[in-house]
Amino acid sequence: MKIPSANEDHEAVSREPLRTPDTPPNGKRSLAIIFVGNQGLRTGWSALLFISLVLAFGLSARALVRAITHTERSQTIMPVPSLLRESAQLGALFLATLIMARIERRSVFSYGFRGNRKLIRLVSGTVVGFLLISGLVGLLWITHALAFDGKMVHGLLAWKYALLWFAMFLVVAFFEEGLLRGYLQFTLTRRLTFWGAAAVLSVLFGLLHVGNEGESPIGILAAIAAGLVFCLSLKLTGSLWWIVGVHTGLGFAESYFYGTANSGVVAQGHLYATHPVGKAFWSGGTTGPEGSIYALLALLLMAAGMWLTWGRRRALPLSNGR
């Protein structure tokens, strides 16, 4: 599908018949073009409607989960309430995307979730995400910016928490990628170009971390950089499946396996216990490893690896079939 440029939209508007007081049908038509272009509902209105739907459904879903679990989000999160809350948000996102897909006469999976080898990309991405955090944690340990305190859970309890946290971070990955690099990325590309939309949404991704207790400027910068790297994956692979896996592996390794803070939040029932040592600039401090300056290096290495793997081939078109 050809994505129209801003010039094409302006040309389409310029071809409309001139309005006169004696031609009410054309008057109605000129009012309609404020909302509808030659590709359907205009970009700004599409994005605004989508965000409104996500907020309306999401707030309702969160209120329902809060009423059921009687919990509020804090610096220590529990697996079951977190899984319920994030699942509710994912459901709200899916419903909002489904409505927009019906309006645009596309498949609900058109916004980044089509393509081939979905499971392979998801699993391989998860492994890469886990290894990336492992490398970062290893670097922090070698440079004496992080210390291990021992193993916290054992046996069946460890497996129980592992399954719960993996499911939770998988849901989070689908939600965050679907929200910021799914419909909105697809839609804003029509007006801003792919990388223009990526820049806007990556900054938004960073700003969404500002409210987390224990977050830091480097952590927010790392979130923005991560958003751009994740968009690079979308550009090179043509879908979100691989980066959803990476996102899952990152969160699972950071919060459950190594027991570090994740954007200032600590998970209950983590496998190992660790704590930062020294200046937060190097260790990440209360933010966790992603608050370390080394996190930016890790993201740069991941981007380089992606380019070496896929970049020499022709970048695949986004899977946006009807």
Foldseek 3Di string as FASTA:
>chain_A
DDQAEPVVQVVQLVPQDDDDPVDVVSVVVNVVSVQATPQGGALVVLVVQLVVQLVVQLVVQQVVLCVVPVDDDDQEDELPSLQSSLLSSLVSNLVSLCVSCVRNVFDSCLFFNDDPPLVVLLQVLLVVLQVLVVVLVVVCVVVVFKDWDWWDDDDPLLVVVLVSLLSSQLSVLCNLCCVLRGPQLVSCCSYQNNVRSLQVSLLVQLVVLVPAPLADPLLSVLSSLVSNLQSLVCQQRQHNSNVSSSSSNNRSNFAAACQARASLHHYPNHTIHMATDDDCCANVHSRGSSSHPVSSVSSVVVSVVSCVVGVVDPGDHHRRGD
